[in-house]
Amino acid sequence: MDINATLLGQMITFCLFVWFTMKFVWPPIHKALSERRAQIAEGLAAGERGQHEWMLAQQKAVAHLKEAKAEAAQLVEATQLQVERMLEEARKSATLETKRILEKATEEIARMEADLKLQLRTKLSTLVIAGAEKILSRSVDPSVHADFLHQLAEEL
């Protein structure tokens, strides 16, 4: 094996190439790889943070949903109680109104009954007088016999 100038030139060229590559090419490539590694790490960390935040948001949403359901149940219960109270008040009011109307109707019936009795007595006394006139074949004066007719009407 002979070391000649070609081999020596190739070795020098190779060493210059390695030196040039290490000095000028390798640092930007190394820097780009480091930056890319950092970006990938940041992306993965951001993805994990995002997934964690998504899980937290989902848990908060479930908690809010449970809270809203509980609040809705309370509102429904309160509304049902209020409706029951209103119905009870309406029943009481209707009962009182029914009693009042019934009492008023009873009073009206009693008044009408008294009026009818009075009218009936008056008509009956007129009929009695007419019958008495026919029986006696003479005229009976109602003004003269008013006390007698009044007593007769009360007896009837």
Protein backbone atom coordinates (compact mmCIF):
# COMPACT_ATOMS: atom_id res chain seq x y z
CA MET A 1 0.00 0.00 0.00
CA ASP A 2 1.43 3.15 -1.14
CA ILE A 3 0.51 6.47 0.31
CA ASN A 4 0.65 8.83 -2.52
CA ALA A 5 -0.39 12.37 -3.08
CA THR A 6 -3.91 11.39 -4.23
CA LEU A 7 -4.63 9.59 -0.99
CA LEU A 8 -3.07 12.44 0.98
CA GLY A 9 -5.17 14.97 -0.98
CA GLN A 10 -8.32 12.96 -0.41
CA MET A 11 -7.57 12.78 3.32
CA ILE A 12 -6.98 16.51 3.51
CA THR A 13 -10.12 17.17 1.47
CA PHE A 14 -12.09 14.82 3.69
CA CYS A 15 -10.76 16.52 6.84
CA LEU A 16 -11.63 19.92 5.37
CA PHE A 17 -15.06 18.63 4.46
CA VAL A 18 -15.60 17.28 8.01
CA TRP A 19 -14.29 20.52 9.52
CA PHE A 20 -16.49 22.64 7.18
CA THR A 21 -19.52 20.45 7.92
CA MET A 22 -18.89 20.59 11.68
CA LYS A 23 -18.28 24.35 11.61
CA PHE A 24 -20.96 25.60 9.19
CA VAL A 25 -23.48 22.86 8.34
CA TRP A 26 -23.89 20.90 11.57
CA PRO A 27 -24.76 23.83 13.94
CA PRO A 28 -27.80 25.03 11.91
CA ILE A 29 -28.99 21.43 11.46
CA HIS A 30 -28.46 20.76 15.18
CA LYS A 31 -30.23 24.03 16.04
CA ALA A 32 -33.17 23.18 13.72
CA LEU A 33 -33.42 19.68 15.23
CA SER A 34 -33.31 21.12 18.76
CA GLU A 35 -35.99 23.68 17.90
CA ARG A 36 -38.11 20.99 16.28
CA ARG A 37 -37.66 18.76 19.35
CA ALA A 38 -38.70 21.67 21.57
CA GLN A 39 -41.74 22.40 19.35
CA ILE A 40 -42.77 18.74 19.45
CA ALA A 41 -42.35 18.67 23.24
CA GLU A 42 -44.39 21.88 23.54
CA GLY A 43 -47.06 20.45 21.25
CA LEU A 44 -47.28 17.26 23.29
CA ALA A 45 -47.41 19.24 26.54
CA ALA A 46 -50.07 21.53 25.07
CA GLY A 47 -52.02 18.48 23.94
CA GLU A 48 -51.82 16.97 27.41
CA ARG A 49 -52.83 20.31 28.96
CA GLY A 50 -55.69 20.59 26.49
CA GLN A 51 -56.84 17.06 27.27
CA HIS A 52 -56.59 17.78 31.00
CA GLU A 53 -58.52 21.06 30.58
CA TRP A 54 -61.11 19.25 28.46
CA MET A 55 -61.53 16.65 31.21
CA LEU A 56 -61.88 19.44 33.81
CA ALA A 57 -64.39 21.25 31.61
CA GLN A 58 -66.34 18.02 31.14
CA GLN A 59 -66.37 17.46 34.91
CA LYS A 60 -67.51 21.05 35.47
CA ALA A 61 -70.23 20.60 32.87
CA VAL A 62 -71.43 17.44 34.59
CA ALA A 63 -71.40 19.25 37.94
CA HIS A 64 -73.31 22.21 36.48
CA LEU A 65 -75.79 19.83 34.90
CA LYS A 66 -76.36 18.05 38.22
CA GLU A 67 -76.73 21.40 39.95
CA ALA A 68 -79.19 22.60 37.31
CA LYS A 69 -81.21 19.38 37.62
CA ALA A 70 -81.32 19.74 41.40
CA GLU A 71 -82.37 23.38 41.08
CA ALA A 72 -85.04 22.45 38.53
CA ALA A 73 -86.32 19.73 40.86
CA GLN A 74 -86.50 22.26 43.71
CA LEU A 75 -88.37 24.70 41.47
CA VAL A 76 -90.81 22.00 40.40
CA GLU A 77 -91.38 21.02 44.03
CA ALA A 78 -91.85 24.63 45.11
CA THR A 79 -94.24 25.19 42.21
CA GLN A 80 -96.23 22.09 43.14
CA LEU A 81 -96.47 23.28 46.75
CA GLN A 82 -97.59 26.71 45.58
CA VAL A 83 -100.18 25.15 43.26
CA GLU A 84 -101.47 22.98 46.11
CA ARG A 85 -101.70 26.05 48.36
CA MET A 86 -103.50 27.99 45.65
CA LEU A 87 -105.91 25.09 45.09
CA GLU A 88 -106.59 24.84 48.82
CA GLU A 89 -107.21 28.59 48.99
CA ALA A 90 -109.50 28.35 45.96
CA ARG A 91 -111.39 25.47 47.61
CA LYS A 92 -111.80 27.47 50.81
CA SER A 93 -112.86 30.53 48.86
CA ALA A 94 -115.30 28.47 46.80
CA THR A 95 -116.70 26.88 49.97
CA LEU A 96 -117.17 30.29 51.60
CA GLU A 97 -118.72 31.69 48.43
CA THR A 98 -121.02 28.65 48.20
CA LYS A 99 -122.11 29.13 51.82
CA ARG A 100 -122.68 32.84 51.21
CA ILE A 101 -124.71 32.15 48.06
CA LEU A 102 -126.64 29.41 49.84
CA GLU A 103 -127.43 31.71 52.77
CA LYS A 104 -128.47 34.47 50.38
CA ALA A 105 -130.66 32.03 48.43
CA THR A 106 -132.18 30.74 51.68
CA GLU A 107 -132.96 34.29 52.76
CA GLU A 108 -134.42 35.04 49.34
CA ILE A 109 -136.53 31.88 49.49
CA ALA A 110 -137.73 32.80 52.99
CA ARG A 111 -138.58 36.33 51.83
CA MET A 112 -140.36 35.01 48.74
CA GLU A 113 -142.20 32.49 50.92
CA ALA A 114 -143.34 35.25 53.28
CA ASP A 115 -144.43 37.38 50.31
CA LEU A 116 -146.32 34.46 48.80
CA LYS A 117 -148.00 33.69 52.12
CA LEU A 118 -149.05 37.31 52.40
CA GLN A 119 -150.39 37.32 48.85
CA LEU A 120 -152.12 34.02 49.48
CA ARG A 121 -153.73 35.35 52.67
CA THR A 122 -154.87 38.45 50.83
CA LYS A 123 -156.40 36.45 48.00
CA LEU A 124 -157.89 33.97 50.42
CA SER A 125 -159.45 36.73 52.47
CA THR A 126 -160.91 38.18 49.28
CA LEU A 127 -162.27 34.75 48.37
CA VAL A 128 -163.63 34.25 51.87
CA ILE A 129 -165.38 37.61 51.72
CA ALA A 130 -166.80 36.78 48.32
CA GLY A 131 -167.94 33.39 49.59
CA ALA A 132 -169.41 34.96 52.72
CA GLU A 133 -171.22 37.55 50.59
CA LYS A 134 -172.73 34.82 48.51
CA ILE A 135 -173.66 32.85 51.58
CA LEU A 136 -175.10 35.78 53.39
CA SER A 137 -176.47 37.28 50.20
CA ARG A 138 -175.43 40.60 51.33
CA SER A 139 -172.39 42.74 50.94
CA VAL A 140 -169.63 42.71 53.51
CA ASP A 141 -167.56 45.85 53.73
CA PRO A 142 -163.84 45.03 53.99
CA SER A 143 -163.02 48.34 55.65
CA VAL A 144 -165.57 47.77 58.40
CA HIS A 145 -164.48 44.24 59.05
CA ALA A 146 -160.70 44.83 58.60
CA ASP A 147 -159.83 43.57 62.08
CA PHE A 148 -161.87 40.46 61.51
CA LEU A 149 -160.22 39.86 58.13
CA HIS A 150 -156.75 40.48 59.53
CA GLN A 151 -157.38 37.98 62.32
CA LEU A 152 -158.72 35.49 59.78
CA ALA A 153 -155.63 35.98 57.54
CA GLU A 154 -153.29 35.31 60.45
CA GLU A 155 -155.14 32.17 61.37
CA LEU A 156 -154.71 30.87 57.84
